[in-house]
Amino acid sequence: MAALAARVAAAGATTQEAIEPVERGEGTLPLSWAQQRLWFLDQLDHAAGAAYHIPAALRLSGMLDRTALQCSLDRVVARHESLRTTFASVEGEPRQVIAPADSGFQLIEHDLRHLQGAEQEAAVAELRLAEAGAPFDLAQGPL
């Protein structure tokens, strides 16, 4: 146990340089290999992109602070370029376009309070399946 503790302590003692954000100028960037594959599949069959979906659903209870939720989602989108990236055709070649960090996230709400019990659960399941199966529009976003 002491040897393991020493290794953990030694590993924690090493320092790594922080990754600095890269400034993005105006214009487009070439697609990565993974992006090229995704774009190619989308060209062959627009619905094929659904294979890349990783759907998840959360059930929240209690009062929802919509402002806090919106701010949190906006910050996630600002932090991760991949959530702000779309693909455009420039001179016949696919290129990635990264939207500004302050683009935000469009939070869509569905008010199902008028439904009760099983009817409400069925409506939630229908919305969940529709969202999970909807293909992304690589040219428009959001991705």
N, C-alpha and C. Protein backbone atom coordinates (compact mmCIF):
# COMPACT_ATOMS: atom_id res chain seq x y z
N MET A 1 0.82 -1.17 0.00
CA MET A 1 0.00 0.00 0.00
C MET A 1 0.88 1.26 0.00
N ALA A 2 1.95 1.21 0.75
CA ALA A 2 2.85 2.37 0.81
C ALA A 2 3.47 2.64 -0.55
N ALA A 3 3.82 1.57 -1.28
CA ALA A 3 4.41 1.75 -2.61
C ALA A 3 3.40 2.39 -3.56
N LEU A 4 2.15 1.97 -3.48
CA LEU A 4 1.11 2.56 -4.32
C LEU A 4 0.91 4.03 -3.97
N ALA A 5 0.89 4.34 -2.70
CA ALA A 5 0.74 5.73 -2.26
C ALA A 5 1.89 6.59 -2.77
N ALA A 6 3.11 6.03 -2.76
CA ALA A 6 4.27 6.77 -3.25
C ALA A 6 4.15 7.04 -4.75
N ARG A 7 3.66 6.05 -5.49
CA ARG A 7 3.49 6.24 -6.95
C ARG A 7 2.44 7.30 -7.25
N VAL A 8 1.34 7.26 -6.50
CA VAL A 8 0.28 8.25 -6.69
C VAL A 8 0.81 9.64 -6.37
N ALA A 9 1.56 9.77 -5.29
CA ALA A 9 2.12 11.06 -4.90
C ALA A 9 3.10 11.56 -5.95
N ALA A 10 3.92 10.66 -6.49
CA ALA A 10 4.89 11.05 -7.51
C ALA A 10 4.19 11.46 -8.80
N ALA A 11 3.15 10.77 -9.15
CA ALA A 11 2.41 11.10 -10.37
C ALA A 11 1.74 12.46 -10.25
N GLY A 12 1.24 12.76 -9.07
CA GLY A 12 0.59 14.05 -8.86
C GLY A 12 1.56 15.20 -8.81
N ALA A 13 2.83 14.92 -8.58
CA ALA A 13 3.84 15.96 -8.46
C ALA A 13 4.26 16.51 -9.82
N THR A 14 4.04 15.76 -10.89
CA THR A 14 4.44 16.24 -12.20
C THR A 14 3.48 17.33 -12.65
N THR A 15 4.01 18.29 -13.34
CA THR A 15 3.17 19.38 -13.84
C THR A 15 3.07 19.29 -15.35
N GLN A 16 1.94 19.68 -15.83
CA GLN A 16 1.72 19.73 -17.27
C GLN A 16 1.30 21.14 -17.63
N GLU A 17 1.74 21.55 -18.79
CA GLU A 17 1.38 22.89 -19.23
C GLU A 17 -0.09 22.92 -19.62
N ALA A 18 -0.74 24.02 -19.30
CA ALA A 18 -2.15 24.17 -19.66
C ALA A 18 -2.28 24.29 -21.17
N ILE A 19 -3.34 23.73 -21.68
CA ILE A 19 -3.62 23.85 -23.11
C ILE A 19 -4.26 25.21 -23.35
N GLU A 20 -3.62 25.99 -24.17
CA GLU A 20 -4.12 27.32 -24.47
C GLU A 20 -5.11 27.26 -25.63
N PRO A 21 -6.20 28.02 -25.56
CA PRO A 21 -7.14 28.05 -26.68
C PRO A 21 -6.46 28.63 -27.92
N VAL A 22 -6.79 28.09 -29.06
CA VAL A 22 -6.25 28.57 -30.32
C VAL A 22 -7.19 29.64 -30.86
N GLU A 23 -6.63 30.77 -31.23
CA GLU A 23 -7.44 31.83 -31.81
C GLU A 23 -7.86 31.43 -33.21
N ARG A 24 -9.11 31.61 -33.52
CA ARG A 24 -9.63 31.30 -34.84
C ARG A 24 -9.91 32.61 -35.57
N GLY A 25 -9.34 32.74 -36.71
CA GLY A 25 -9.61 33.90 -37.53
C GLY A 25 -10.88 33.68 -38.34
N GLU A 26 -11.14 34.59 -39.22
CA GLU A 26 -12.29 34.44 -40.11
C GLU A 26 -11.98 33.36 -41.13
N GLY A 27 -13.00 32.79 -41.69
CA GLY A 27 -12.80 31.82 -42.75
C GLY A 27 -13.10 30.40 -42.31
N THR A 28 -12.70 29.48 -43.16
CA THR A 28 -13.01 28.07 -42.94
C THR A 28 -11.74 27.28 -42.72
N LEU A 29 -11.92 26.05 -42.26
CA LEU A 29 -10.80 25.15 -42.01
C LEU A 29 -11.05 23.84 -42.73
N PRO A 30 -9.98 23.11 -43.07
CA PRO A 30 -10.20 21.79 -43.68
C PRO A 30 -10.85 20.84 -42.67
N LEU A 31 -11.54 19.83 -43.19
CA LEU A 31 -12.16 18.84 -42.32
C LEU A 31 -11.11 17.87 -41.79
N SER A 32 -11.30 17.41 -40.57
CA SER A 32 -10.46 16.34 -40.03
C SER A 32 -10.87 15.04 -40.72
N TRP A 33 -10.09 13.98 -40.51
CA TRP A 33 -10.44 12.69 -41.12
C TRP A 33 -11.81 12.23 -40.65
N ALA A 34 -12.09 12.36 -39.37
CA ALA A 34 -13.39 11.95 -38.83
C ALA A 34 -14.52 12.79 -39.42
N GLN A 35 -14.28 14.10 -39.58
CA GLN A 35 -15.28 14.97 -40.18
C GLN A 35 -15.51 14.62 -41.64
N GLN A 36 -14.43 14.28 -42.36
CA GLN A 36 -14.58 13.87 -43.76
C GLN A 36 -15.46 12.63 -43.87
N ARG A 37 -15.24 11.68 -42.97
CA ARG A 37 -16.04 10.45 -42.98
C ARG A 37 -17.51 10.77 -42.72
N LEU A 38 -17.76 11.62 -41.74
CA LEU A 38 -19.13 12.01 -41.42
C LEU A 38 -19.78 12.74 -42.59
N TRP A 39 -19.05 13.65 -43.21
CA TRP A 39 -19.57 14.40 -44.35
C TRP A 39 -19.86 13.46 -45.52
N PHE A 40 -18.95 12.53 -45.79
CA PHE A 40 -19.13 11.59 -46.89
C PHE A 40 -20.37 10.73 -46.67
N LEU A 41 -20.54 10.21 -45.47
CA LEU A 41 -21.73 9.42 -45.16
C LEU A 41 -23.00 10.25 -45.33
N ASP A 42 -22.94 11.50 -44.93
CA ASP A 42 -24.09 12.38 -45.07
C ASP A 42 -24.43 12.60 -46.54
N GLN A 43 -23.41 12.67 -47.39
CA GLN A 43 -23.66 12.85 -48.82
C GLN A 43 -24.30 11.60 -49.42
N LEU A 44 -23.89 10.43 -48.96
CA LEU A 44 -24.45 9.17 -49.47
C LEU A 44 -25.89 8.97 -49.00
N ASP A 45 -26.12 9.19 -47.73
CA ASP A 45 -27.43 8.95 -47.13
C ASP A 45 -27.56 9.85 -45.92
N HIS A 46 -28.37 10.89 -46.06
CA HIS A 46 -28.50 11.89 -45.00
C HIS A 46 -28.88 11.27 -43.66
N ALA A 47 -29.70 10.24 -43.68
CA ALA A 47 -30.15 9.60 -42.43
C ALA A 47 -29.07 8.73 -41.80
N ALA A 48 -28.00 8.40 -42.56
CA ALA A 48 -26.94 7.53 -42.02
C ALA A 48 -26.22 8.16 -40.85
N GLY A 49 -26.22 9.48 -40.78
CA GLY A 49 -25.55 10.17 -39.69
C GLY A 49 -26.13 9.85 -38.33
N ALA A 50 -27.35 9.33 -38.29
CA ALA A 50 -27.97 8.97 -37.01
C ALA A 50 -27.17 7.89 -36.29
N ALA A 51 -26.34 7.16 -37.03
CA ALA A 51 -25.50 6.13 -36.41
C ALA A 51 -24.49 6.76 -35.45
N TYR A 52 -24.22 8.05 -35.61
CA TYR A 52 -23.27 8.75 -34.75
C TYR A 52 -23.95 9.36 -33.52
N HIS A 53 -25.25 9.28 -33.44
CA HIS A 53 -25.97 9.86 -32.30
C HIS A 53 -25.69 9.07 -31.03
N ILE A 54 -25.60 9.77 -29.96
CA ILE A 54 -25.49 9.16 -28.63
C ILE A 54 -26.61 9.79 -27.80
N PRO A 55 -27.83 9.30 -28.00
CA PRO A 55 -28.95 9.93 -27.30
C PRO A 55 -28.94 9.64 -25.80
N ALA A 56 -29.40 10.61 -25.06
CA ALA A 56 -29.55 10.46 -23.60
C ALA A 56 -30.73 11.31 -23.17
N ALA A 57 -31.40 10.88 -22.15
CA ALA A 57 -32.53 11.64 -21.61
C ALA A 57 -32.36 11.73 -20.10
N LEU A 58 -32.74 12.86 -19.57
CA LEU A 58 -32.67 13.07 -18.13
C LEU A 58 -34.06 13.41 -17.62
N ARG A 59 -34.41 12.86 -16.49
CA ARG A 59 -35.67 13.23 -15.84
C ARG A 59 -35.30 14.11 -14.65
N LEU A 60 -35.73 15.35 -14.72
CA LEU A 60 -35.45 16.31 -13.66
C LEU A 60 -36.69 16.42 -12.78
N SER A 61 -36.48 16.55 -11.50
CA SER A 61 -37.61 16.74 -10.59
C SER A 61 -37.41 18.05 -9.85
N GLY A 62 -38.50 18.61 -9.40
CA GLY A 62 -38.42 19.88 -8.69
C GLY A 62 -38.52 21.04 -9.66
N MET A 63 -38.33 22.23 -9.13
CA MET A 63 -38.42 23.44 -9.95
C MET A 63 -37.16 23.56 -10.82
N LEU A 64 -37.37 23.90 -12.07
CA LEU A 64 -36.27 24.06 -13.01
C LEU A 64 -35.94 25.54 -13.13
N ASP A 65 -34.69 25.87 -12.89
CA ASP A 65 -34.21 27.24 -13.09
C ASP A 65 -33.79 27.33 -14.56
N ARG A 66 -34.71 27.81 -15.40
CA ARG A 66 -34.47 27.85 -16.84
C ARG A 66 -33.26 28.73 -17.19
N THR A 67 -33.11 29.82 -16.48
CA THR A 67 -31.99 30.72 -16.74
C THR A 67 -30.66 30.02 -16.47
N ALA A 68 -30.58 29.31 -15.36
CA ALA A 68 -29.34 28.59 -15.03
C ALA A 68 -29.08 27.49 -16.04
N LEU A 69 -30.13 26.78 -16.45
CA LEU A 69 -29.96 25.72 -17.45
C LEU A 69 -29.48 26.31 -18.77
N GLN A 70 -30.11 27.41 -19.22
CA GLN A 70 -29.71 28.05 -20.47
C GLN A 70 -28.26 28.52 -20.40
N CYS A 71 -27.88 29.15 -19.30
CA CYS A 71 -26.50 29.63 -19.14
C CYS A 71 -25.51 28.47 -19.15
N SER A 72 -25.87 27.38 -18.51
CA SER A 72 -24.99 26.21 -18.48
C SER A 72 -24.79 25.63 -19.87
N LEU A 73 -25.88 25.49 -20.61
CA LEU A 73 -25.78 24.95 -21.97
C LEU A 73 -25.01 25.90 -22.88
N ASP A 74 -25.23 27.20 -22.73
CA ASP A 74 -24.48 28.19 -23.51
C ASP A 74 -22.98 28.06 -23.25
N ARG A 75 -22.60 27.84 -22.00
CA ARG A 75 -21.18 27.72 -21.65
C ARG A 75 -20.57 26.44 -22.22
N VAL A 76 -21.33 25.36 -22.22
CA VAL A 76 -20.83 24.11 -22.82
C VAL A 76 -20.58 24.33 -24.31
N VAL A 77 -21.53 24.97 -24.99
CA VAL A 77 -21.38 25.24 -26.42
C VAL A 77 -20.20 26.18 -26.67
N ALA A 78 -20.03 27.19 -25.83
CA ALA A 78 -18.91 28.12 -25.98
C ALA A 78 -17.57 27.41 -25.80
N ARG A 79 -17.53 26.44 -24.92
CA ARG A 79 -16.28 25.74 -24.60
C ARG A 79 -15.87 24.74 -25.67
N HIS A 80 -16.83 24.16 -26.38
CA HIS A 80 -16.53 23.06 -27.30
C HIS A 80 -16.85 23.44 -28.75
N GLU A 81 -15.80 23.69 -29.51
CA GLU A 81 -15.97 24.08 -30.91
C GLU A 81 -16.77 23.07 -31.71
N SER A 82 -16.63 21.80 -31.39
CA SER A 82 -17.33 20.78 -32.17
C SER A 82 -18.84 20.97 -32.12
N LEU A 83 -19.35 21.61 -31.08
CA LEU A 83 -20.78 21.86 -30.97
C LEU A 83 -21.20 23.10 -31.76
N ARG A 84 -20.23 23.85 -32.25
CA ARG A 84 -20.51 25.06 -33.03
C ARG A 84 -20.04 24.94 -34.47
N THR A 85 -19.61 23.75 -34.86
CA THR A 85 -19.02 23.56 -36.18
C THR A 85 -20.05 23.03 -37.17
N THR A 86 -20.07 23.65 -38.34
CA THR A 86 -20.89 23.17 -39.44
C THR A 86 -19.98 22.97 -40.64
N PHE A 87 -20.49 22.30 -41.66
CA PHE A 87 -19.71 22.04 -42.86
C PHE A 87 -20.31 22.83 -44.02
N ALA A 88 -19.44 23.53 -44.74
CA ALA A 88 -19.86 24.30 -45.90
C ALA A 88 -19.07 23.83 -47.11
N SER A 89 -19.66 24.00 -48.26
CA SER A 89 -18.96 23.67 -49.50
C SER A 89 -18.31 24.95 -50.02
N VAL A 90 -16.99 24.92 -50.13
CA VAL A 90 -16.24 26.07 -50.63
C VAL A 90 -15.48 25.60 -51.86
N GLU A 91 -15.86 26.16 -53.01
CA GLU A 91 -15.26 25.77 -54.29
C GLU A 91 -15.34 24.26 -54.48
N GLY A 92 -16.49 23.68 -54.09
CA GLY A 92 -16.72 22.26 -54.29
C GLY A 92 -16.09 21.35 -53.25
N GLU A 93 -15.41 21.91 -52.28
CA GLU A 93 -14.75 21.11 -51.23
C GLU A 93 -15.42 21.37 -49.88
N PRO A 94 -15.61 20.32 -49.08
CA PRO A 94 -16.20 20.55 -47.76
C PRO A 94 -15.19 21.22 -46.83
N ARG A 95 -15.66 22.20 -46.10
CA ARG A 95 -14.82 22.92 -45.14
C ARG A 95 -15.61 23.08 -43.85
N GLN A 96 -14.90 23.19 -42.73
CA GLN A 96 -15.60 23.41 -41.47
C GLN A 96 -15.66 24.90 -41.16
N VAL A 97 -16.80 25.29 -40.66
CA VAL A 97 -17.04 26.67 -40.26
C VAL A 97 -17.36 26.64 -38.77
N ILE A 98 -16.59 27.35 -37.98
CA ILE A 98 -16.80 27.36 -36.53
C ILE A 98 -17.49 28.67 -36.15
N ALA A 99 -18.69 28.54 -35.61
CA ALA A 99 -19.46 29.71 -35.20
C ALA A 99 -18.81 30.35 -33.98
N PRO A 100 -19.07 31.62 -33.75
CA PRO A 100 -18.49 32.30 -32.58
C PRO A 100 -18.89 31.62 -31.27
N ALA A 101 -18.04 31.77 -30.28
CA ALA A 101 -18.27 31.14 -28.97
C ALA A 101 -19.54 31.63 -28.30
N ASP A 102 -19.99 32.81 -28.66
CA ASP A 102 -21.21 33.34 -28.03
C ASP A 102 -22.47 33.00 -28.82
N SER A 103 -22.39 31.97 -29.66
CA SER A 103 -23.54 31.56 -30.47
C SER A 103 -24.70 31.07 -29.62
N GLY A 104 -24.40 30.48 -28.49
CA GLY A 104 -25.44 30.01 -27.59
C GLY A 104 -26.07 28.70 -28.02
N PHE A 105 -27.01 28.28 -27.22
CA PHE A 105 -27.72 27.02 -27.44
C PHE A 105 -29.21 27.32 -27.46
N GLN A 106 -29.89 26.81 -28.48
CA GLN A 106 -31.33 27.03 -28.57
C GLN A 106 -32.05 25.95 -27.76
N LEU A 107 -32.55 26.34 -26.62
CA LEU A 107 -33.26 25.41 -25.74
C LEU A 107 -34.73 25.40 -26.15
N ILE A 108 -35.21 24.24 -26.56
CA ILE A 108 -36.60 24.10 -27.00
C ILE A 108 -37.38 23.41 -25.88
N GLU A 109 -38.47 24.02 -25.50
CA GLU A 109 -39.31 23.47 -24.43
C GLU A 109 -40.61 22.93 -25.01
N HIS A 110 -41.06 21.83 -24.46
CA HIS A 110 -42.36 21.24 -24.80
C HIS A 110 -43.17 21.16 -23.51
N ASP A 111 -44.24 21.90 -23.45
CA ASP A 111 -45.08 21.91 -22.25
C ASP A 111 -46.10 20.78 -22.35
N LEU A 112 -45.92 19.77 -21.53
CA LEU A 112 -46.82 18.61 -21.53
C LEU A 112 -47.65 18.55 -20.25
N ARG A 113 -47.75 19.66 -19.55
CA ARG A 113 -48.49 19.67 -18.29
C ARG A 113 -49.98 19.39 -18.48
N HIS A 114 -50.48 19.62 -19.68
CA HIS A 114 -51.91 19.37 -19.93
C HIS A 114 -52.22 17.87 -20.05
N LEU A 115 -51.18 17.05 -20.16
CA LEU A 115 -51.35 15.60 -20.24
C LEU A 115 -51.15 14.97 -18.87
N GLN A 116 -51.74 13.81 -18.67
CA GLN A 116 -51.64 13.14 -17.38
C GLN A 116 -51.13 11.71 -17.54
N GLY A 117 -50.38 11.23 -16.57
CA GLY A 117 -49.99 9.83 -16.45
C GLY A 117 -49.41 9.21 -17.71
N ALA A 118 -50.03 8.12 -18.16
CA ALA A 118 -49.53 7.35 -19.30
C ALA A 118 -49.52 8.17 -20.58
N GLU A 119 -50.48 9.07 -20.71
CA GLU A 119 -50.54 9.91 -21.91
C GLU A 119 -49.33 10.85 -21.96
N GLN A 120 -48.96 11.38 -20.81
CA GLN A 120 -47.79 12.25 -20.73
C GLN A 120 -46.51 11.46 -21.00
N GLU A 121 -46.39 10.28 -20.41
CA GLU A 121 -45.22 9.42 -20.62
C GLU A 121 -45.08 9.04 -22.10
N ALA A 122 -46.21 8.75 -22.76
CA ALA A 122 -46.18 8.40 -24.18
C ALA A 122 -45.71 9.59 -25.02
N ALA A 123 -46.15 10.79 -24.67
CA ALA A 123 -45.73 11.99 -25.39
C ALA A 123 -44.24 12.24 -25.20
N VAL A 124 -43.75 12.03 -23.98
CA VAL A 124 -42.31 12.19 -23.71
C VAL A 124 -41.52 11.18 -24.52
N ALA A 125 -41.96 9.93 -24.55
CA ALA A 125 -41.27 8.89 -25.31
C ALA A 125 -41.25 9.22 -26.80
N GLU A 126 -42.35 9.74 -27.31
CA GLU A 126 -42.43 10.11 -28.73
C GLU A 126 -41.45 11.23 -29.05
N LEU A 127 -41.39 12.25 -28.20
CA LEU A 127 -40.45 13.35 -28.39
C LEU A 127 -39.00 12.86 -28.33
N ARG A 128 -38.73 11.99 -27.35
CA ARG A 128 -37.38 11.46 -27.17
C ARG A 128 -36.94 10.68 -28.40
N LEU A 129 -37.80 9.81 -28.92
CA LEU A 129 -37.46 9.01 -30.10
C LEU A 129 -37.29 9.89 -31.34
N ALA A 130 -38.15 10.90 -31.48
CA ALA A 130 -38.05 11.80 -32.63
C ALA A 130 -36.73 12.56 -32.60
N GLU A 131 -36.34 13.07 -31.44
CA GLU A 131 -35.07 13.80 -31.33
C GLU A 131 -33.88 12.90 -31.59
N ALA A 132 -33.90 11.70 -31.02
CA ALA A 132 -32.78 10.77 -31.16
C ALA A 132 -32.61 10.31 -32.60
N GLY A 133 -33.69 10.23 -33.35
CA GLY A 133 -33.62 9.74 -34.71
C GLY A 133 -33.47 10.81 -35.77
N ALA A 134 -33.61 12.07 -35.39
CA ALA A 134 -33.52 13.16 -36.37
C ALA A 134 -32.07 13.35 -36.82
N PRO A 135 -31.83 13.30 -38.13
CA PRO A 135 -30.45 13.49 -38.59
C PRO A 135 -30.01 14.94 -38.39
N PHE A 136 -28.72 15.11 -38.15
CA PHE A 136 -28.16 16.45 -38.03
C PHE A 136 -28.08 17.08 -39.41
N ASP A 137 -28.26 18.37 -39.47
CA ASP A 137 -28.04 19.11 -40.70
C ASP A 137 -26.62 19.66 -40.61
N LEU A 138 -25.69 19.00 -41.28
CA LEU A 138 -24.28 19.36 -41.15
C LEU A 138 -23.97 20.75 -41.68
N ALA A 139 -24.81 21.26 -42.58
CA ALA A 139 -24.57 22.58 -43.14
C ALA A 139 -25.16 23.69 -42.26
N GLN A 140 -26.18 23.39 -41.48
CA GLN A 140 -26.86 24.41 -40.70
C GLN A 140 -26.60 24.33 -39.21
N GLY A 141 -26.47 23.12 -38.70
CA GLY A 141 -26.30 22.96 -37.27
C GLY A 141 -27.62 23.17 -36.54
N PRO A 142 -27.68 23.15 -35.26
CA PRO A 142 -26.52 22.81 -34.43
C PRO A 142 -26.22 21.32 -34.47
N LEU A 143 -24.95 21.02 -34.29
CA LEU A 143 -24.55 19.62 -34.25
C LEU A 143 -24.59 19.16 -32.82
